[in-house]
Amino acid sequence: LFPGIAPPGAYALVGMGAVVAGTTHAPIT
């Protein structure tokens, strides 16, 4: 949708932490 933004790998990296935060309810960790 928006060519020129960061590659999918960048969002994969952030998504790793986001799902961990969502499952554990521990965002700082």
Full PDB file with SEQRES, HELIX, SHEET, SSBOND, CRYST1, ORIGX, SCALE, CONECT and MASTER records, all heavy atoms in Angstrom:
SEQRES   1 A   29  LEU PHE PRO GLY ILE ALA PRO PRO GLY ALA TYR ALA LEU          
SEQRES   2 A   29  VAL GLY MET GLY ALA VAL VAL ALA GLY THR THR HIS ALA          
SEQRES   3 A   29  PRO ILE THR                                                  
HELIX    1 AA1 PRO A    8  THR A   24  1                                  17    
CRYST1    1.000    1.000    1.000  90.00  90.00  90.00 P 1           1          
ORIGX1      1.000000  0.000000  0.000000        0.00000                         
ORIGX2      0.000000  1.000000  0.000000        0.00000                         
ORIGX3      0.000000  0.000000  1.000000        0.00000                         
SCALE1      1.000000  0.000000  0.000000        0.00000                         
SCALE2      0.000000  1.000000  0.000000        0.00000                         
SCALE3      0.000000  0.000000  1.000000        0.00000                         
ATOM      1  N   LEU A   1       0.810  -1.212   0.000  1.00  0.00           N  
ATOM      2  CA  LEU A   1       0.000   0.000   0.000  1.00  0.00           C  
ATOM      3  C   LEU A   1       0.847   1.268   0.000  1.00  0.00           C  
ATOM      4  O   LEU A   1       0.474   2.280  -0.604  1.00  0.00           O  
ATOM      5  CB  LEU A   1      -0.938   0.009   1.212  1.00  0.00           C  
ATOM      6  CG  LEU A   1      -1.996  -1.099   1.258  1.00  0.00           C  
ATOM      7  CD1 LEU A   1      -2.743  -1.053   2.591  1.00  0.00           C  
ATOM      8  CD2 LEU A   1      -2.976  -0.945   0.103  1.00  0.00           C  
ATOM      9  N   PHE A   2       1.985   1.201   0.724  1.00  0.00           N  
ATOM     10  CA  PHE A   2       2.840   2.384   0.864  1.00  0.00           C  
ATOM     11  C   PHE A   2       4.277   2.023   0.486  1.00  0.00           C  
ATOM     12  O   PHE A   2       5.109   1.754   1.364  1.00  0.00           O  
ATOM     13  CB  PHE A   2       2.792   2.918   2.300  1.00  0.00           C  
ATOM     14  CG  PHE A   2       1.411   3.135   2.822  1.00  0.00           C  
ATOM     15  CD1 PHE A   2       0.847   2.242   3.743  1.00  0.00           C  
ATOM     16  CD2 PHE A   2       0.653   4.220   2.409  1.00  0.00           C  
ATOM     17  CE1 PHE A   2      -0.425   2.437   4.235  1.00  0.00           C  
ATOM     18  CE2 PHE A   2      -0.626   4.421   2.906  1.00  0.00           C  
ATOM     19  CZ  PHE A   2      -1.172   3.534   3.808  1.00  0.00           C  
ATOM     20  N   PRO A   3       4.591   1.988  -0.774  1.00  0.00           N  
ATOM     21  CA  PRO A   3       5.962   1.661  -1.199  1.00  0.00           C  
ATOM     22  C   PRO A   3       6.958   2.664  -0.617  1.00  0.00           C  
ATOM     23  O   PRO A   3       6.672   3.858  -0.471  1.00  0.00           O  
ATOM     24  CB  PRO A   3       5.893   1.779  -2.725  1.00  0.00           C  
ATOM     25  CG  PRO A   3       4.439   1.628  -3.065  1.00  0.00           C  
ATOM     26  CD  PRO A   3       3.688   2.232  -1.916  1.00  0.00           C  
ATOM     27  N   GLY A   4       8.107   2.172  -0.254  1.00  0.00           N  
ATOM     28  CA  GLY A   4       9.152   3.041   0.274  1.00  0.00           C  
ATOM     29  C   GLY A   4       9.297   2.994   1.776  1.00  0.00           C  
ATOM     30  O   GLY A   4      10.240   3.564   2.333  1.00  0.00           O  
ATOM     31  N   ILE A   5       8.355   2.318   2.480  1.00  0.00           N  
ATOM     32  CA  ILE A   5       8.498   2.191   3.931  1.00  0.00           C  
ATOM     33  C   ILE A   5       9.486   1.070   4.251  1.00  0.00           C  
ATOM     34  O   ILE A   5      10.017   0.411   3.358  1.00  0.00           O  
ATOM     35  CB  ILE A   5       7.143   1.924   4.608  1.00  0.00           C  
ATOM     36  CG1 ILE A   5       6.559   0.581   4.143  1.00  0.00           C  
ATOM     37  CG2 ILE A   5       6.168   3.046   4.331  1.00  0.00           C  
ATOM     38  CD1 ILE A   5       5.326   0.164   4.904  1.00  0.00           C  
ATOM     39  N   ALA A   6       9.724   0.841   5.519  1.00  0.00           N  
ATOM     40  CA  ALA A   6      10.667  -0.193   5.948  1.00  0.00           C  
ATOM     41  C   ALA A   6      10.233  -1.561   5.423  1.00  0.00           C  
ATOM     42  O   ALA A   6       9.033  -1.813   5.235  1.00  0.00           O  
ATOM     43  CB  ALA A   6      10.764  -0.215   7.464  1.00  0.00           C  
ATOM     44  N   PRO A   7      11.184  -2.480   5.184  1.00  0.00           N  
ATOM     45  CA  PRO A   7      10.839  -3.810   4.671  1.00  0.00           C  
ATOM     46  C   PRO A   7      10.057  -4.623   5.701  1.00  0.00           C  
ATOM     47  O   PRO A   7      10.029  -4.291   6.890  1.00  0.00           O  
ATOM     48  CB  PRO A   7      12.206  -4.435   4.384  1.00  0.00           C  
ATOM     49  CG  PRO A   7      13.150  -3.709   5.286  1.00  0.00           C  
ATOM     50  CD  PRO A   7      12.626  -2.316   5.367  1.00  0.00           C  
ATOM     51  N   PRO A   8       9.411  -5.716   5.271  1.00  0.00           N  
ATOM     52  CA  PRO A   8       8.604  -6.531   6.202  1.00  0.00           C  
ATOM     53  C   PRO A   8       9.379  -7.011   7.419  1.00  0.00           C  
ATOM     54  O   PRO A   8       8.806  -7.175   8.498  1.00  0.00           O  
ATOM     55  CB  PRO A   8       8.157  -7.707   5.330  1.00  0.00           C  
ATOM     56  CG  PRO A   8       8.161  -7.174   3.939  1.00  0.00           C  
ATOM     57  CD  PRO A   8       9.306  -6.205   3.890  1.00  0.00           C  
ATOM     58  N   GLY A   9      10.699  -7.245   7.265  1.00  0.00           N  
ATOM     59  CA  GLY A   9      11.498  -7.724   8.392  1.00  0.00           C  
ATOM     60  C   GLY A   9      11.491  -6.780   9.568  1.00  0.00           C  
ATOM     61  O   GLY A   9      11.537  -7.207  10.733  1.00  0.00           O  
ATOM     62  N   ALA A  10      11.423  -5.471   9.299  1.00  0.00           N  
ATOM     63  CA  ALA A  10      11.384  -4.491  10.384  1.00  0.00           C  
ATOM     64  C   ALA A  10      10.103  -4.649  11.194  1.00  0.00           C  
ATOM     65  O   ALA A  10      10.104  -4.595  12.432  1.00  0.00           O  
ATOM     66  CB  ALA A  10      11.490  -3.079   9.817  1.00  0.00           C  
ATOM     67  N   TYR A  11       8.995  -4.871  10.522  1.00  0.00           N  
ATOM     68  CA  TYR A  11       7.718  -5.050  11.212  1.00  0.00           C  
ATOM     69  C   TYR A  11       7.658  -6.423  11.897  1.00  0.00           C  
ATOM     70  O   TYR A  11       6.995  -6.577  12.934  1.00  0.00           O  
ATOM     71  CB  TYR A  11       6.575  -4.894  10.217  1.00  0.00           C  
ATOM     72  CG  TYR A  11       6.453  -3.487   9.698  1.00  0.00           C  
ATOM     73  CD1 TYR A  11       7.119  -3.091   8.540  1.00  0.00           C  
ATOM     74  CD2 TYR A  11       5.696  -2.534  10.380  1.00  0.00           C  
ATOM     75  CE1 TYR A  11       7.025  -1.790   8.071  1.00  0.00           C  
ATOM     76  CE2 TYR A  11       5.590  -1.233   9.916  1.00  0.00           C  
ATOM     77  CZ  TYR A  11       6.267  -0.863   8.766  1.00  0.00           C  
ATOM     78  OH  TYR A  11       6.178   0.438   8.304  1.00  0.00           O  
ATOM     79  N   ALA A  12       8.339  -7.402  11.321  1.00  0.00           N  
ATOM     80  CA  ALA A  12       8.406  -8.713  11.975  1.00  0.00           C  
ATOM     81  C   ALA A  12       9.100  -8.602  13.320  1.00  0.00           C  
ATOM     82  O   ALA A  12       8.687  -9.225  14.311  1.00  0.00           O  
ATOM     83  CB  ALA A  12       9.152  -9.700  11.072  1.00  0.00           C  
ATOM     84  N   LEU A  13      10.164  -7.789  13.361  1.00  0.00           N  
ATOM     85  CA  LEU A  13      10.904  -7.601  14.610  1.00  0.00           C  
ATOM     86  C   LEU A  13      10.025  -6.953  15.675  1.00  0.00           C  
ATOM     87  O   LEU A  13       9.976  -7.409  16.821  1.00  0.00           O  
ATOM     88  CB  LEU A  13      12.136  -6.734  14.343  1.00  0.00           C  
ATOM     89  CG  LEU A  13      13.021  -6.392  15.536  1.00  0.00           C  
ATOM     90  CD1 LEU A  13      13.567  -7.661  16.175  1.00  0.00           C  
ATOM     91  CD2 LEU A  13      14.158  -5.474  15.108  1.00  0.00           C  
ATOM     92  N   VAL A  14       9.303  -5.925  15.311  1.00  0.00           N  
ATOM     93  CA  VAL A  14       8.438  -5.244  16.267  1.00  0.00           C  
ATOM     94  C   VAL A  14       7.258  -6.140  16.649  1.00  0.00           C  
ATOM     95  O   VAL A  14       6.830  -6.164  17.817  1.00  0.00           O  
ATOM     96  CB  VAL A  14       7.945  -3.910  15.680  1.00  0.00           C  
ATOM     97  CG1 VAL A  14       6.962  -3.235  16.636  1.00  0.00           C  
ATOM     98  CG2 VAL A  14       9.127  -2.991  15.409  1.00  0.00           C  
ATOM     99  N   GLY A  15       6.751  -6.892  15.675  1.00  0.00           N  
ATOM    100  CA  GLY A  15       5.639  -7.786  15.955  1.00  0.00           C  
ATOM    101  C   GLY A  15       5.990  -8.860  16.969  1.00  0.00           C  
ATOM    102  O   GLY A  15       5.122  -9.298  17.741  1.00  0.00           O  
ATOM    103  N   MET A  16       7.247  -9.291  17.001  1.00  0.00           N  
ATOM    104  CA  MET A  16       7.679 -10.288  17.985  1.00  0.00           C  
ATOM    105  C   MET A  16       7.404  -9.799  19.403  1.00  0.00           C  
ATOM    106  O   MET A  16       6.817 -10.497  20.228  1.00  0.00           O  
ATOM    107  CB  MET A  16       9.162 -10.604  17.798  1.00  0.00           C  
ATOM    108  CG  MET A  16       9.492 -11.351  16.523  1.00  0.00           C  
ATOM    109  SD  MET A  16      11.269 -11.388  16.159  1.00  0.00           S  
ATOM    110  CE  MET A  16      11.862 -12.426  17.486  1.00  0.00           C  
ATOM    111  N   GLY A  17       7.835  -8.600  19.682  1.00  0.00           N  
ATOM    112  CA  GLY A  17       7.620  -8.050  21.018  1.00  0.00           C  
ATOM    113  C   GLY A  17       6.159  -7.787  21.301  1.00  0.00           C  
ATOM    114  O   GLY A  17       5.692  -7.980  22.428  1.00  0.00           O  
ATOM    115  N   ALA A  18       5.405  -7.370  20.281  1.00  0.00           N  
ATOM    116  CA  ALA A  18       3.996  -7.022  20.492  1.00  0.00           C  
ATOM    117  C   ALA A  18       3.166  -8.244  20.876  1.00  0.00           C  
ATOM    118  O   ALA A  18       2.323  -8.170  21.778  1.00  0.00           O  
ATOM    119  CB  ALA A  18       3.440  -6.373  19.231  1.00  0.00           C  
ATOM    120  N   VAL A  19       3.376  -9.374  20.219  1.00  0.00           N  
ATOM    121  CA  VAL A  19       2.606 -10.575  20.554  1.00  0.00           C  
ATOM    122  C   VAL A  19       3.022 -11.109  21.925  1.00  0.00           C  
ATOM    123  O   VAL A  19       2.177 -11.580  22.698  1.00  0.00           O  
ATOM    124  CB  VAL A  19       2.755 -11.649  19.462  1.00  0.00           C  
ATOM    125  CG1 VAL A  19       2.123 -12.964  19.900  1.00  0.00           C  
ATOM    126  CG2 VAL A  19       2.106 -11.176  18.167  1.00  0.00           C  
ATOM    127  N   VAL A  20       4.302 -11.045  22.245  1.00  0.00           N  
ATOM    128  CA  VAL A  20       4.738 -11.441  23.589  1.00  0.00           C  
ATOM    129  C   VAL A  20       4.052 -10.570  24.642  1.00  0.00           C  
ATOM    130  O   VAL A  20       3.565 -11.070  25.658  1.00  0.00           O  
ATOM    131  CB  VAL A  20       6.268 -11.340  23.723  1.00  0.00           C  
ATOM    132  CG1 VAL A  20       6.702 -11.470  25.184  1.00  0.00           C  
ATOM    133  CG2 VAL A  20       6.952 -12.409  22.887  1.00  0.00           C  
ATOM    134  N   ALA A  21       3.993  -9.266  24.401  1.00  0.00           N  
ATOM    135  CA  ALA A  21       3.315  -8.364  25.340  1.00  0.00           C  
ATOM    136  C   ALA A  21       1.837  -8.708  25.445  1.00  0.00           C  
ATOM    137  O   ALA A  21       1.252  -8.684  26.529  1.00  0.00           O  
ATOM    138  CB  ALA A  21       3.492  -6.917  24.894  1.00  0.00           C  
ATOM    139  N   GLY A  22       1.206  -9.055  24.314  1.00  0.00           N  
ATOM    140  CA  GLY A  22      -0.209  -9.387  24.329  1.00  0.00           C  
ATOM    141  C   GLY A  22      -0.526 -10.679  25.045  1.00  0.00           C  
ATOM    142  O   GLY A  22      -1.558 -10.794  25.701  1.00  0.00           O  
ATOM    143  N   THR A  23       0.353 -11.664  24.957  1.00  0.00           N  
ATOM    144  CA  THR A  23       0.090 -12.941  25.612  1.00  0.00           C  
ATOM    145  C   THR A  23       0.428 -12.897  27.100  1.00  0.00           C  
ATOM    146  O   THR A  23      -0.279 -13.496  27.917  1.00  0.00           O  
ATOM    147  CB  THR A  23       0.901 -14.074  24.961  1.00  0.00           C  
ATOM    148  OG1 THR A  23       2.294 -13.727  24.940  1.00  0.00           O  
ATOM    149  CG2 THR A  23       0.426 -14.342  23.552  1.00  0.00           C  
ATOM    150  N   THR A  24       1.495 -12.191  27.465  1.00  0.00           N  
ATOM    151  CA  THR A  24       1.934 -12.182  28.863  1.00  0.00           C  
ATOM    152  C   THR A  24       1.400 -11.000  29.661  1.00  0.00           C  
ATOM    153  O   THR A  24       1.473 -11.007  30.887  1.00  0.00           O  
ATOM    154  CB  THR A  24       3.470 -12.142  28.932  1.00  0.00           C  
ATOM    155  OG1 THR A  24       3.950 -10.923  28.336  1.00  0.00           O  
ATOM    156  CG2 THR A  24       4.084 -13.333  28.199  1.00  0.00           C  
ATOM    157  N   HIS A  25       0.880  -9.965  28.976  1.00  0.00           N  
ATOM    158  CA  HIS A  25       0.453  -8.719  29.635  1.00  0.00           C  
ATOM    159  C   HIS A  25       1.617  -8.091  30.377  1.00  0.00           C  
ATOM    160  O   HIS A  25       1.425  -7.465  31.434  1.00  0.00           O  
ATOM    161  CB  HIS A  25      -0.730  -8.955  30.575  1.00  0.00           C  
ATOM    162  CG  HIS A  25      -1.978  -9.374  29.885  1.00  0.00           C  
ATOM    163  ND1 HIS A  25      -3.189  -9.529  30.548  1.00  0.00           N  
ATOM    164  CD2 HIS A  25      -2.247  -9.669  28.587  1.00  0.00           C  
ATOM    165  CE1 HIS A  25      -4.110  -9.909  29.687  1.00  0.00           C  
ATOM    166  NE2 HIS A  25      -3.564 -10.010  28.491  1.00  0.00           N  
ATOM    167  N   ALA A  26       2.818  -8.232  29.831  1.00  0.00           N  
ATOM    168  CA  ALA A  26       4.019  -7.682  30.456  1.00  0.00           C  
ATOM    169  C   ALA A  26       4.798  -6.893  29.408  1.00  0.00           C  
ATOM    170  O   ALA A  26       5.787  -7.377  28.854  1.00  0.00           O  
ATOM    171  CB  ALA A  26       4.875  -8.798  31.042  1.00  0.00           C  
ATOM    172  N   PRO A  27       4.356  -5.671  29.075  1.00  0.00           N  
ATOM    173  CA  PRO A  27       4.982  -4.922  27.981  1.00  0.00           C  
ATOM    174  C   PRO A  27       6.429  -4.528  28.242  1.00  0.00           C  
ATOM    175  O   PRO A  27       7.235  -4.488  27.314  1.00  0.00           O  
ATOM    176  CB  PRO A  27       4.082  -3.685  27.853  1.00  0.00           C  
ATOM    177  CG  PRO A  27       3.418  -3.549  29.190  1.00  0.00           C  
ATOM    178  CD  PRO A  27       3.242  -4.942  29.689  1.00  0.00           C  
ATOM    179  N   ILE A  28       6.767  -4.221  29.498  1.00  0.00           N  
ATOM    180  CA  ILE A  28       8.146  -3.809  29.791  1.00  0.00           C  
ATOM    181  C   ILE A  28       9.106  -4.959  29.502  1.00  0.00           C  
ATOM    182  O   ILE A  28      10.158  -4.775  28.874  1.00  0.00           O  
ATOM    183  CB  ILE A  28       8.265  -3.351  31.258  1.00  0.00           C  
ATOM    184  CG1 ILE A  28       7.327  -2.178  31.530  1.00  0.00           C  
ATOM    185  CG2 ILE A  28       9.705  -2.960  31.576  1.00  0.00           C  
ATOM    186  CD1 ILE A  28       7.301  -1.739  32.976  1.00  0.00           C  
ATOM    187  N   THR A  29       8.745  -6.148  29.960  1.00  0.00           N  
ATOM    188  CA  THR A  29       9.581  -7.317  29.693  1.00  0.00           C  
ATOM    189  C   THR A  29       9.696  -7.559  28.198  1.00  0.00           C  
ATOM    190  O   THR A  29      10.785  -7.858  27.682  1.00  0.00           O  
ATOM    191  CB  THR A  29       8.990  -8.557  30.376  1.00  0.00           C  
ATOM    192  OG1 THR A  29       8.969  -8.348  31.787  1.00  0.00           O  
ATOM    193  CG2 THR A  29       9.810  -9.798  30.071  1.00  0.00           C  
TER     194      THR A  29                                                      
MASTER        0    0    0    1    0    0    0    6  193    1    0    3          
END                                                                             
